[in-house]
Amino acid sequence: MPRSKEKKNGANSAAPMTTSQMLGSLLKSARDIMRKDKGLNGDLDRLPLLTWIMFLKFLDDIEVQREEEAELAGKKFKPAIEKPYRWRDWAADPQGVTGDELLAFINNDDAVRADGKKGAGLFAYLRSLSSSNGDNRRDVIATVFKGVDNRMKSGYLLRDIINKVAGIHFTSSDELHTLGALYESMLREMRDAAGDSGEFYTPRAVVRFMVEVTDPSLGETVLDPASGTGGFLVEAYNYLERQVQTVADRKRLQTETISGCEPKSLPYLLCQMNLLLHGLDAPQIDPDNALRFKLSEIGEKERVDVILTNPPFGGEEERGIQGNFPDDRQTAETALLFLQLIMRKLKRQQTAAKRPARAAVVVPNGTLFGDGVCARIKEELLKEFNLHTIVRLPNGVFAPYTSIPTNILFFDRSGATKDVWYYEQPLPEGRKNYTKTQPMQFDEFADCMKWWNKRKENDQAWKVSVKGLLDSNCNLDRKNPRAKMDFEHLPPEQLADDILKKELRIAELMQEIKVALGVQA
């Protein structure tokens, strides 16, 4: 009997937790604590709070490591955050400052600090930081915290969360890799919680496909001028990291390769954290509007090799921003302004990899068939760039957040367009749409990727001459000539678009007939 009892106990003993399980449990516990606080409403509040706490712990872990390295090398170390505002000064002790005192230290402009002296509160201090000696870490910290507020009402619950985050070791490569994946899953949950305001998320499958076929090479510079939470930059960083072979390669990837722009404070914070967790030590993310510069003044020094982006569409830019663009190309439509910026930002010379500078850009259907300013922009795109491919994404890729049909434009600086290849990405067999729980998967692009370098017309792919496109007022909205239209499953927006375009074409034909017959309009 004793022997069998001992065996039973041994069988029931828990196996050691994996890193993923440990971190997943830790983050779940922190979020469960946040749910008890009356100041937070859903994941749109919880994730930013967890992010700024993780951000400060991450910075301190890295600072400790760099300080030790500097000491061993006999060099002087200048911290980004001074005493007593470092994580180790006020957060590391699980029995440290808590309750109302913790809230006052974090929130107030003036507070009693962890060293017992009066001074600036934590956020006030962090927002006041400015860089010197070419080190931009302080500017990044200040920018992050200018857009951050602590919404928690209970300092005791906040202390519990801080103690949970203290268990994360950001200098462990194993933990960092796992945490990056967990953080991405939290971003997806936040996108789901955001509903109509979830504008800063592009499906991972689409992002990965765009990076894979654009194929950035180490030594080339990569930009996303509308970074959101950093999905394109993270994917590009991961893609380029596999090419690193030397210390010099690593330094080039870390300091000279990845850049972005995100003017909204919440996505800026999330983007910084996303890149940090995936291994980029000092993300170069511009916190202002990418459209703020006069287009004609962007020179070769400001240009890059590869642009990967899903710029916002449907928005309207103010007159001051529109004034940065040529008189005949000014528009309030954000997507068209970004398209012009992207065209201008591509280098004219070949890249370090002896390839033309190139871009992959998500655009709504309206960009394909738009006239007026839109047509003039597309005319420049066709005549000055090689618009070699348009991938027509299936309906509902961005559903349920938007049902607007979307496309990916692929173009480069190899010369004028001769032909445009179209590839219609189909829905998986048996599927009528995508959902939150059943989003698009990367392997659905397998056939397109096989076709990419060995192009032939087939049921999904067809080619249109540039002459035909220019003669049609640059209407790029070309339907698959082999496809049968399935009206039953089209979203209402696309049905309305199709009907409007047909009505406009009928009116144009009627006018041409009247002119030909000499009938007064």
Protein backbone atom coordinates (compact mmCIF):
# COMPACT_ATOMS: atom_id res chain seq x y z
CA MET A 1 0.00 0.00 0.00
CA PRO A 2 2.64 2.61 0.88
CA ARG A 3 4.46 1.79 -2.37
CA SER A 4 1.33 2.27 -4.49
CA LYS A 5 0.53 5.54 -2.69
CA GLU A 6 4.06 6.80 -3.39
CA LYS A 7 3.67 5.89 -7.06
CA LYS A 8 0.34 7.66 -7.22
CA ASN A 9 1.81 10.81 -5.72
CA GLY A 10 4.71 10.69 -8.18
CA ALA A 11 2.31 10.36 -11.11
CA ASN A 12 0.37 13.42 -9.96
CA SER A 13 3.40 15.66 -9.39
CA ALA A 14 3.24 18.65 -11.72
CA ALA A 15 5.76 18.92 -14.56
CA PRO A 16 7.88 22.08 -14.55
CA MET A 17 6.18 24.99 -16.33
CA THR A 18 7.59 26.01 -19.70
CA THR A 19 8.65 29.62 -20.27
CA SER A 20 5.53 30.16 -22.34
CA GLN A 21 3.27 28.73 -19.62
CA MET A 22 5.01 30.73 -16.90
CA LEU A 23 4.77 34.04 -18.75
CA GLY A 24 1.23 33.31 -19.93
CA SER A 25 0.19 32.63 -16.34
CA LEU A 26 1.94 35.76 -15.11
CA LEU A 27 0.24 38.01 -17.68
CA LYS A 28 -3.15 36.37 -17.06
CA SER A 29 -2.77 37.03 -13.32
CA ALA A 30 -1.91 40.67 -13.99
CA ARG A 31 -4.95 41.10 -16.22
CA ASP A 32 -7.19 39.40 -13.66
CA ILE A 33 -5.98 41.93 -11.08
CA MET A 34 -6.72 44.81 -13.46
CA ARG A 35 -10.30 43.59 -13.91
CA LYS A 36 -10.88 44.37 -10.21
CA ASP A 37 -10.00 48.05 -10.63
CA LYS A 38 -12.84 50.53 -11.16
CA GLY A 39 -10.74 52.88 -13.28
CA LEU A 40 -10.20 50.46 -16.17
CA ASN A 41 -12.77 49.58 -18.81
CA GLY A 42 -11.84 46.56 -20.92
CA ASP A 43 -8.69 45.64 -22.82
CA LEU A 44 -8.46 49.09 -24.42
CA ASP A 45 -7.46 50.36 -20.95
CA ARG A 46 -5.71 47.27 -19.60
CA LEU A 47 -3.17 46.63 -22.34
CA PRO A 48 -1.75 50.21 -22.37
CA LEU A 49 -1.39 50.11 -18.57
CA LEU A 50 0.37 46.75 -18.67
CA THR A 51 2.53 48.06 -21.53
CA TRP A 52 3.92 51.13 -19.77
CA ILE A 53 4.72 49.06 -16.68
CA MET A 54 6.51 46.45 -18.83
CA PHE A 55 8.24 49.27 -20.72
CA LEU A 56 9.83 50.63 -17.52
CA LYS A 57 10.86 47.15 -16.32
CA PHE A 58 12.37 46.42 -19.75
CA LEU A 59 14.36 49.67 -19.72
CA ASP A 60 15.74 49.00 -16.26
CA ASP A 61 16.77 45.44 -17.11
CA ILE A 62 18.64 46.70 -20.18
CA GLU A 63 20.20 49.59 -18.23
CA VAL A 64 21.49 47.22 -15.54
CA GLN A 65 23.05 45.02 -18.21
CA ARG A 66 24.64 47.96 -20.05
CA GLU A 67 25.95 49.46 -16.82
CA GLU A 68 27.68 46.17 -15.97
CA GLU A 69 29.16 45.96 -19.49
CA ALA A 70 30.44 49.55 -19.25
CA GLU A 71 32.01 48.87 -15.85
CA LEU A 72 33.85 45.81 -17.17
CA ALA A 73 35.11 47.86 -20.12
CA GLY A 74 36.22 50.69 -17.84
CA LYS A 75 33.80 53.13 -19.48
CA LYS A 76 31.51 55.70 -17.92
CA PHE A 77 27.80 54.81 -18.13
CA LYS A 78 25.11 57.45 -18.48
CA PRO A 79 21.65 56.07 -17.62
CA ALA A 80 18.54 57.10 -19.48
CA ILE A 81 16.60 57.29 -16.19
CA GLU A 82 18.30 58.63 -13.06
CA LYS A 83 17.82 57.74 -9.38
CA PRO A 84 15.29 57.52 -7.73
CA TYR A 85 13.08 57.02 -10.80
CA ARG A 86 14.58 53.74 -12.01
CA TRP A 87 12.45 50.61 -11.67
CA ARG A 88 14.88 49.20 -9.12
CA ASP A 89 14.41 52.31 -6.92
CA TRP A 90 10.63 52.31 -6.51
CA ALA A 91 9.17 49.12 -8.02
CA ALA A 92 11.54 46.20 -7.41
CA ASP A 93 10.79 45.75 -3.68
CA PRO A 94 7.48 43.81 -3.47
CA GLN A 95 6.85 45.40 -0.06
CA GLY A 96 7.70 48.89 -1.32
CA VAL A 97 5.55 51.99 -1.76
CA THR A 98 1.89 51.13 -2.37
CA GLY A 99 -1.69 52.43 -2.03
CA ASP A 100 -2.30 56.17 -2.27
CA GLU A 101 1.41 56.91 -1.89
CA LEU A 102 2.16 54.88 -5.03
CA LEU A 103 -0.60 56.61 -7.00
CA ALA A 104 0.65 60.03 -5.86
CA PHE A 105 4.25 59.20 -6.82
CA ILE A 106 3.18 58.07 -10.31
CA ASN A 107 0.42 60.59 -11.09
CA ASN A 108 1.23 63.88 -9.36
CA ASP A 109 3.50 66.60 -10.71
CA ASP A 110 5.08 66.87 -7.23
CA ALA A 111 5.35 63.92 -4.86
CA VAL A 112 7.35 62.20 -2.15
CA ARG A 113 9.81 59.96 -3.96
CA ALA A 114 11.10 56.53 -2.98
CA ASP A 115 14.14 58.17 -1.35
CA GLY A 116 11.84 60.09 1.00
CA LYS A 117 12.53 63.47 -0.61
CA LYS A 118 10.06 65.71 -2.40
CA GLY A 119 10.42 66.09 -6.14
CA ALA A 120 8.73 65.56 -9.49
CA GLY A 121 6.33 62.65 -9.74
CA LEU A 122 7.31 59.68 -11.93
CA PHE A 123 5.32 60.60 -15.05
CA ALA A 124 6.23 64.29 -14.70
CA TYR A 125 9.91 63.35 -14.55
CA LEU A 126 9.72 60.93 -17.50
CA ARG A 127 7.89 63.49 -19.67
CA SER A 128 10.61 66.06 -18.97
CA LEU A 129 13.49 63.93 -20.26
CA SER A 130 15.51 65.11 -23.24
CA SER A 131 18.43 63.48 -25.02
CA SER A 132 22.01 64.58 -25.33
CA ASN A 133 25.20 63.28 -26.97
CA GLY A 134 23.24 61.71 -29.82
CA ASP A 135 21.47 59.24 -27.51
CA ASN A 136 17.78 59.42 -28.31
CA ARG A 137 16.57 57.06 -25.56
CA ARG A 138 15.43 59.92 -23.36
CA ASP A 139 13.44 61.52 -26.17
CA VAL A 140 11.71 58.20 -26.83
CA ILE A 141 10.84 57.79 -23.14
CA ALA A 142 9.50 61.35 -22.94
CA THR A 143 7.39 60.87 -26.08
CA VAL A 144 5.98 57.58 -24.82
CA PHE A 145 4.89 59.03 -21.50
CA LYS A 146 3.44 62.23 -22.93
CA GLY A 147 0.67 60.03 -24.25
CA VAL A 148 0.31 57.81 -21.16
CA ASP A 149 -2.03 58.17 -18.19
CA ASN A 150 -2.43 55.91 -15.19
CA ARG A 151 -6.14 55.13 -14.98
CA MET A 152 -6.00 52.70 -12.08
CA LYS A 153 -7.85 53.88 -8.97
CA SER A 154 -6.36 51.43 -6.49
CA GLY A 155 -2.69 51.79 -5.61
CA TYR A 156 -2.80 48.41 -3.88
CA LEU A 157 -3.96 46.63 -7.05
CA LEU A 158 -1.37 48.58 -9.03
CA ARG A 159 1.35 47.34 -6.66
CA ASP A 160 0.13 43.76 -7.23
CA ILE A 161 0.50 44.21 -11.00
CA ILE A 162 3.97 45.75 -10.63
CA ASN A 163 5.01 42.75 -8.53
CA LYS A 164 3.78 40.40 -11.27
CA VAL A 165 5.72 42.25 -14.00
CA ALA A 166 8.81 42.19 -11.77
CA GLY A 167 8.92 38.44 -12.43
CA ILE A 168 9.72 38.99 -16.12
CA HIS A 169 13.40 38.88 -17.09
CA PHE A 170 13.83 40.98 -20.21
CA THR A 171 17.50 40.07 -20.62
CA SER A 172 16.60 36.40 -21.10
CA SER A 173 16.40 35.69 -24.83
CA ASP A 174 14.05 32.77 -24.21
CA GLU A 175 11.63 34.89 -22.19
CA LEU A 176 11.88 37.82 -24.61
CA HIS A 177 11.03 35.66 -27.63
CA THR A 178 8.05 34.09 -25.86
CA LEU A 179 6.86 37.41 -24.50
CA GLY A 180 6.94 38.91 -28.01
CA ALA A 181 4.52 36.22 -29.23
CA LEU A 182 2.27 36.68 -26.18
CA TYR A 183 2.27 40.44 -26.69
CA GLU A 184 1.16 40.04 -30.30
CA SER A 185 -1.77 37.91 -29.14
CA MET A 186 -2.72 40.69 -26.70
CA LEU A 187 -2.60 43.22 -29.53
CA ARG A 188 -5.04 41.06 -31.49
CA GLU A 189 -7.35 40.97 -28.47
CA MET A 190 -7.12 44.73 -28.24
CA ARG A 191 -7.99 45.00 -31.93
CA ASP A 192 -11.06 42.88 -31.25
CA ALA A 193 -12.02 45.08 -28.30
CA ALA A 194 -11.48 48.27 -30.31
CA GLY A 195 -14.21 47.55 -32.87
CA ASP A 196 -14.42 50.41 -35.36
CA SER A 197 -11.45 52.20 -33.80
CA GLY A 198 -9.12 49.23 -34.32
CA GLU A 199 -7.44 51.03 -37.21
CA PHE A 200 -3.89 50.13 -36.26
CA TYR A 201 -3.95 46.40 -36.97
CA THR A 202 -3.29 44.56 -40.25
CA PRO A 203 -3.92 40.78 -40.35
CA ARG A 204 -0.67 38.95 -39.69
CA ALA A 205 -1.10 36.76 -42.78
CA VAL A 206 -1.24 39.83 -45.06
CA VAL A 207 1.76 41.44 -43.33
CA ARG A 208 3.89 38.32 -43.66
CA PHE A 209 2.95 37.82 -47.32
CA MET A 210 3.90 41.42 -48.16
CA VAL A 211 7.26 41.09 -46.42
CA GLU A 212 8.05 37.68 -47.97
CA VAL A 213 7.45 38.71 -51.60
CA THR A 214 9.06 42.14 -51.17
CA ASP A 215 12.08 40.25 -49.80
CA PRO A 216 14.09 42.95 -47.97
CA SER A 217 17.84 42.28 -47.78
CA LEU A 218 20.20 43.12 -44.93
CA GLY A 219 21.78 46.46 -45.79
CA GLU A 220 18.54 47.88 -47.18
CA THR A 221 16.50 50.40 -45.20
CA VAL A 222 12.88 49.56 -44.36
CA LEU A 223 10.15 52.11 -43.53
CA ASP A 224 6.52 52.00 -42.48
CA PRO A 225 5.23 55.62 -42.51
CA ALA A 226 1.99 54.56 -40.80
CA SER A 227 3.37 52.09 -38.26
CA GLY A 228 0.37 51.52 -35.99
CA THR A 229 1.42 48.87 -33.48
CA GLY A 230 4.46 47.93 -35.58
CA GLY A 231 3.30 44.74 -37.31
CA PHE A 232 5.14 45.40 -40.58
CA LEU A 233 8.32 46.50 -38.83
CA VAL A 234 8.34 43.49 -36.51
CA GLU A 235 7.85 41.10 -39.43
CA ALA A 236 10.56 42.86 -41.46
CA TYR A 237 12.93 42.75 -38.46
CA ASN A 238 12.32 39.00 -38.00
CA TYR A 239 12.85 38.41 -41.73
CA LEU A 240 16.14 40.35 -41.76
CA GLU A 241 17.38 38.84 -38.50
CA ARG A 242 17.61 35.46 -40.23
CA GLN A 243 20.20 37.01 -42.58
CA VAL A 244 22.52 38.19 -39.76
CA GLN A 245 25.91 36.40 -39.79
CA THR A 246 28.38 38.82 -38.18
CA VAL A 247 28.58 41.40 -35.39
CA ALA A 248 28.60 44.10 -38.08
CA ASP A 249 25.39 42.65 -39.56
CA ARG A 250 23.77 42.77 -36.13
CA LYS A 251 24.80 46.39 -35.60
CA ARG A 252 23.49 47.38 -39.04
CA LEU A 253 20.13 45.73 -38.35
CA GLN A 254 19.87 47.34 -34.92
CA THR A 255 20.84 50.89 -35.87
CA GLU A 256 20.50 51.55 -39.60
CA THR A 257 17.65 49.47 -40.97
CA ILE A 258 14.18 49.77 -39.41
CA SER A 259 12.21 53.01 -39.05
CA GLY A 260 8.60 54.06 -38.77
CA CYS A 261 6.19 56.87 -38.03
CA GLU A 262 3.15 56.86 -35.73
CA PRO A 263 1.59 60.11 -34.46
CA LYS A 264 -1.08 58.63 -32.17
CA SER A 265 0.13 58.16 -28.62
CA LEU A 266 -1.44 54.77 -27.88
CA PRO A 267 -0.23 52.94 -31.01
CA TYR A 268 3.15 54.69 -30.61
CA LEU A 269 3.54 53.16 -27.15
CA LEU A 270 2.37 49.74 -28.34
CA CYS A 271 4.68 49.91 -31.38
CA GLN A 272 7.71 50.75 -29.22
CA MET A 273 6.98 47.83 -26.89
CA ASN A 274 6.26 45.43 -29.75
CA LEU A 275 9.63 46.15 -31.38
CA LEU A 276 11.53 46.06 -28.08
CA LEU A 277 10.05 42.66 -27.23
CA HIS A 278 11.04 41.30 -30.63
CA GLY A 279 14.67 42.32 -30.17
CA LEU A 280 15.10 45.83 -31.62
CA ASP A 281 17.04 47.67 -28.91
CA ALA A 282 16.23 51.28 -29.85
CA PRO A 283 13.23 51.54 -32.21
CA GLN A 284 13.40 54.60 -34.49
CA ILE A 285 9.74 55.59 -34.57
CA ASP A 286 8.88 59.20 -35.46
CA PRO A 287 6.02 60.35 -33.15
CA ASP A 288 4.68 62.98 -35.61
CA ASN A 289 2.57 62.94 -38.77
CA ALA A 290 4.55 61.48 -41.69
CA LEU A 291 2.70 63.86 -44.03
CA ARG A 292 3.96 67.02 -42.31
CA PHE A 293 6.87 67.60 -44.71
CA LYS A 294 6.59 69.43 -48.02
CA LEU A 295 6.73 66.72 -50.67
CA SER A 296 9.03 68.67 -53.01
CA GLU A 297 11.62 69.09 -50.23
CA ILE A 298 12.08 65.37 -49.56
CA GLY A 299 15.49 64.61 -51.07
CA GLU A 300 17.57 61.51 -51.64
CA LYS A 301 18.92 61.53 -48.06
CA GLU A 302 15.39 61.10 -46.72
CA ARG A 303 14.57 58.25 -49.08
CA VAL A 304 14.59 54.54 -48.26
CA ASP A 305 14.94 51.19 -50.02
CA VAL A 306 11.77 49.34 -48.96
CA ILE A 307 8.38 50.62 -47.81
CA LEU A 308 5.81 48.25 -46.31
CA THR A 309 2.59 49.78 -45.06
CA ASN A 310 -1.16 49.85 -44.69
CA PRO A 311 -1.82 53.60 -44.50
CA PRO A 312 -5.11 54.84 -43.01
CA PHE A 313 -7.93 55.34 -45.50
CA GLY A 314 -11.26 57.05 -45.19
CA GLY A 315 -9.76 59.83 -43.06
CA GLU A 316 -9.39 63.50 -43.93
CA GLU A 317 -6.27 65.62 -43.49
CA GLU A 318 -6.33 69.32 -42.58
CA ARG A 319 -5.60 72.07 -45.09
CA GLY A 320 -2.11 72.67 -43.69
CA ILE A 321 -1.14 69.07 -44.47
CA GLN A 322 -2.74 69.18 -47.93
CA GLY A 323 -0.62 72.27 -48.70
CA ASN A 324 2.51 70.09 -48.57
CA PHE A 325 1.47 68.47 -51.86
CA PRO A 326 1.45 69.81 -55.47
CA ASP A 327 -1.50 72.04 -56.31
CA ASP A 328 -3.06 69.52 -58.71
CA ARG A 329 -2.56 66.58 -56.27
CA GLN A 330 -4.06 68.08 -53.12
CA THR A 331 -6.84 66.10 -51.49
CA ALA A 332 -8.26 65.49 -48.03
CA GLU A 333 -8.18 61.69 -48.57
CA THR A 334 -5.44 60.32 -46.35
CA ALA A 335 -4.76 57.21 -48.45
CA LEU A 336 -3.97 59.29 -51.56
CA LEU A 337 -1.62 61.60 -49.65
CA PHE A 338 0.23 58.60 -48.24
CA LEU A 339 0.51 57.03 -51.70
CA GLN A 340 2.22 60.20 -52.95
CA LEU A 341 4.53 60.26 -49.93
CA ILE A 342 5.51 56.61 -50.49
CA MET A 343 6.29 57.28 -54.14
CA ARG A 344 8.45 60.24 -53.18
CA LYS A 345 10.27 58.35 -50.37
CA LEU A 346 11.59 55.53 -52.59
CA LYS A 347 15.25 55.89 -53.53
CA ARG A 348 15.96 56.53 -57.20
CA GLN A 349 19.26 54.63 -57.21
CA GLN A 350 19.62 50.90 -56.74
CA THR A 351 19.78 49.68 -53.16
CA ALA A 352 22.82 48.18 -51.41
CA ALA A 353 21.54 44.79 -52.59
CA LYS A 354 21.72 45.99 -56.25
CA ARG A 355 17.94 45.99 -56.55
CA PRO A 356 15.42 48.77 -57.24
CA ALA A 357 13.78 50.48 -54.27
CA ARG A 358 10.30 49.02 -53.86
CA ALA A 359 7.03 49.28 -51.98
CA ALA A 360 4.05 47.15 -50.97
CA VAL A 361 1.00 49.20 -49.99
CA VAL A 362 -2.54 48.22 -48.95
CA VAL A 363 -5.17 50.45 -50.60
CA PRO A 364 -8.99 50.44 -50.70
CA ASN A 365 -10.86 49.71 -53.92
CA GLY A 366 -11.70 53.39 -54.34
CA THR A 367 -8.05 54.13 -55.07
CA LEU A 368 -8.16 51.79 -58.07
CA PHE A 369 -11.11 53.38 -59.85
CA GLY A 370 -10.94 56.98 -58.52
CA ASP A 371 -10.67 59.82 -61.02
CA GLY A 372 -9.61 63.48 -60.75
CA VAL A 373 -6.69 63.88 -58.32
CA CYS A 374 -6.64 60.13 -57.80
CA ALA A 375 -6.23 59.49 -61.55
CA ARG A 376 -3.37 62.01 -61.78
CA ILE A 377 -1.53 60.27 -58.94
CA LYS A 378 -2.00 56.88 -60.63
CA GLU A 379 -0.78 58.30 -63.94
CA GLU A 380 2.48 59.31 -62.25
CA LEU A 381 2.65 55.86 -60.63
CA LEU A 382 2.33 54.14 -64.02
CA LYS A 383 4.71 56.46 -65.90
CA GLU A 384 7.44 56.99 -63.27
CA PHE A 385 7.32 53.65 -61.42
CA ASN A 386 6.93 50.00 -62.33
CA LEU A 387 3.54 49.00 -60.90
CA HIS A 388 4.17 45.34 -61.62
CA THR A 389 1.53 43.64 -59.45
CA ILE A 390 -1.85 44.26 -57.85
CA VAL A 391 -3.06 41.53 -55.50
CA ARG A 392 -6.81 41.70 -55.04
CA LEU A 393 -7.56 40.50 -51.52
CA PRO A 394 -10.66 38.43 -50.81
CA ASN A 395 -13.74 40.15 -49.42
CA GLY A 396 -13.77 40.38 -45.66
CA VAL A 397 -10.02 40.15 -44.95
CA PHE A 398 -10.43 43.06 -42.52
CA ALA A 399 -13.92 42.00 -41.40
CA PRO A 400 -15.69 42.53 -39.09
CA TYR A 401 -13.86 45.86 -38.60
CA THR A 402 -14.45 46.99 -42.16
CA SER A 403 -15.98 45.32 -45.22
CA ILE A 404 -14.30 47.71 -47.68
CA PRO A 405 -12.61 45.62 -50.41
CA THR A 406 -8.81 46.03 -50.36
CA ASN A 407 -5.83 45.46 -52.63
CA ILE A 408 -2.03 45.42 -52.35
CA LEU A 409 -0.03 47.54 -54.80
CA PHE A 410 3.53 46.35 -55.50
CA PHE A 411 5.73 48.83 -57.34
CA ASP A 412 9.42 49.70 -57.69
CA ARG A 413 11.90 52.15 -59.18
CA SER A 414 13.04 49.95 -62.09
CA GLY A 415 11.41 52.20 -64.72
CA ALA A 416 8.00 52.91 -66.21
CA THR A 417 5.23 50.32 -66.07
CA LYS A 418 4.81 48.13 -69.15
CA ASP A 419 2.20 45.67 -67.92
CA VAL A 420 0.34 45.24 -64.64
CA TRP A 421 -0.19 41.72 -63.37
CA TYR A 422 -3.32 41.10 -61.32
CA TYR A 423 -3.69 38.22 -58.91
CA GLU A 424 -7.09 37.58 -57.35
CA GLN A 425 -6.56 35.90 -53.98
CA PRO A 426 -9.56 33.56 -53.49
CA LEU A 427 -11.39 32.67 -50.31
CA PRO A 428 -10.58 29.13 -49.13
CA GLU A 429 -12.83 26.50 -50.66
CA GLY A 430 -16.07 26.18 -48.72
CA ARG A 431 -15.60 29.53 -46.91
CA LYS A 432 -17.91 32.49 -47.47
CA ASN A 433 -16.08 34.98 -45.26
CA TYR A 434 -13.49 35.54 -42.52
CA THR A 435 -14.30 36.10 -38.86
CA LYS A 436 -12.51 37.06 -35.63
CA THR A 437 -12.08 33.41 -34.76
CA GLN A 438 -11.32 32.29 -38.33
CA PRO A 439 -9.06 34.97 -39.86
CA MET A 440 -7.03 34.67 -43.03
CA GLN A 441 -4.05 32.30 -42.75
CA PHE A 442 -0.62 32.78 -44.33
CA ASP A 443 -0.67 29.41 -46.08
CA GLU A 444 -3.60 30.66 -48.19
CA PHE A 445 -1.01 32.71 -50.13
CA ALA A 446 0.98 29.57 -51.07
CA ASP A 447 -0.28 29.45 -54.68
CA CYS A 448 0.32 33.17 -55.18
CA MET A 449 3.87 32.86 -53.86
CA LYS A 450 4.60 29.93 -56.22
CA TRP A 451 3.25 32.01 -59.11
CA TRP A 452 5.19 35.15 -58.10
CA ASN A 453 8.49 34.39 -59.83
CA LYS A 454 7.08 32.20 -62.65
CA ARG A 455 4.16 34.21 -63.93
CA LYS A 456 1.58 32.81 -66.29
CA GLU A 457 -2.05 33.71 -66.77
CA ASN A 458 -4.42 31.34 -65.00
CA ASP A 459 -7.80 31.38 -63.26
CA GLN A 460 -6.43 33.75 -60.61
CA ALA A 461 -3.87 35.77 -62.61
CA TRP A 462 -4.13 38.01 -65.66
CA LYS A 463 -2.15 40.81 -67.29
CA VAL A 464 -3.22 44.27 -68.51
CA SER A 465 -1.05 46.53 -70.72
CA VAL A 466 -0.17 49.96 -69.38
CA LYS A 467 -1.58 51.54 -72.56
CA GLY A 468 -4.99 50.11 -71.79
CA LEU A 469 -4.82 51.49 -68.27
CA LEU A 470 -3.67 54.96 -69.34
CA ASP A 471 -6.36 55.10 -72.05
CA SER A 472 -9.04 54.38 -69.43
CA ASN A 473 -8.14 57.43 -67.29
CA CYS A 474 -5.93 55.16 -65.15
CA ASN A 475 -8.78 52.97 -63.97
CA LEU A 476 -6.93 50.12 -62.26
CA ASP A 477 -10.10 48.36 -61.11
CA ARG A 478 -9.87 45.43 -63.49
CA LYS A 479 -11.97 42.36 -62.80
CA ASN A 480 -10.76 38.83 -63.32
CA PRO A 481 -11.80 37.97 -66.92
CA ARG A 482 -12.18 34.28 -65.99
CA ALA A 483 -14.15 34.77 -62.78
CA LYS A 484 -17.87 34.32 -62.36
CA MET A 485 -19.38 37.06 -60.22
CA ASP A 486 -20.96 35.74 -57.02
CA PHE A 487 -23.37 38.55 -56.15
CA GLU A 488 -24.87 36.60 -53.23
CA HIS A 489 -21.74 36.90 -51.09
CA LEU A 490 -20.56 40.38 -52.08
CA PRO A 491 -20.64 42.97 -49.27
CA PRO A 492 -23.19 45.79 -49.76
CA GLU A 493 -20.39 48.35 -50.19
CA GLN A 494 -18.93 46.49 -53.18
CA LEU A 495 -22.35 45.96 -54.76
CA ALA A 496 -23.01 49.71 -54.42
CA ASP A 497 -19.57 50.47 -55.94
CA ASP A 498 -20.20 48.16 -58.89
CA ILE A 499 -23.64 49.63 -59.54
CA LEU A 500 -22.31 53.21 -59.33
CA LYS A 501 -19.46 52.47 -61.73
CA LYS A 502 -21.80 50.83 -64.22
CA GLU A 503 -24.18 53.80 -64.03
CA LEU A 504 -21.31 56.24 -64.61
CA ARG A 505 -20.06 54.21 -67.57
CA ILE A 506 -23.54 54.10 -69.09
CA ALA A 507 -23.80 57.89 -68.73
CA GLU A 508 -20.41 58.32 -70.40
CA LEU A 509 -21.42 56.07 -73.31
CA MET A 510 -24.72 57.91 -73.74
CA GLN A 511 -22.85 61.23 -73.89
CA GLU A 512 -20.41 59.82 -76.48
CA ILE A 513 -23.33 58.60 -78.59
CA LYS A 514 -25.01 62.02 -78.41
CA VAL A 515 -21.78 63.74 -79.47
CA ALA A 516 -21.32 61.28 -82.33
CA LEU A 517 -24.89 61.90 -83.51
CA GLY A 518 -24.57 65.66 -83.14
CA VAL A 519 -27.31 65.79 -80.51
CA GLN A 520 -27.19 68.72 -78.07
CA ALA A 521 -26.39 67.66 -74.47
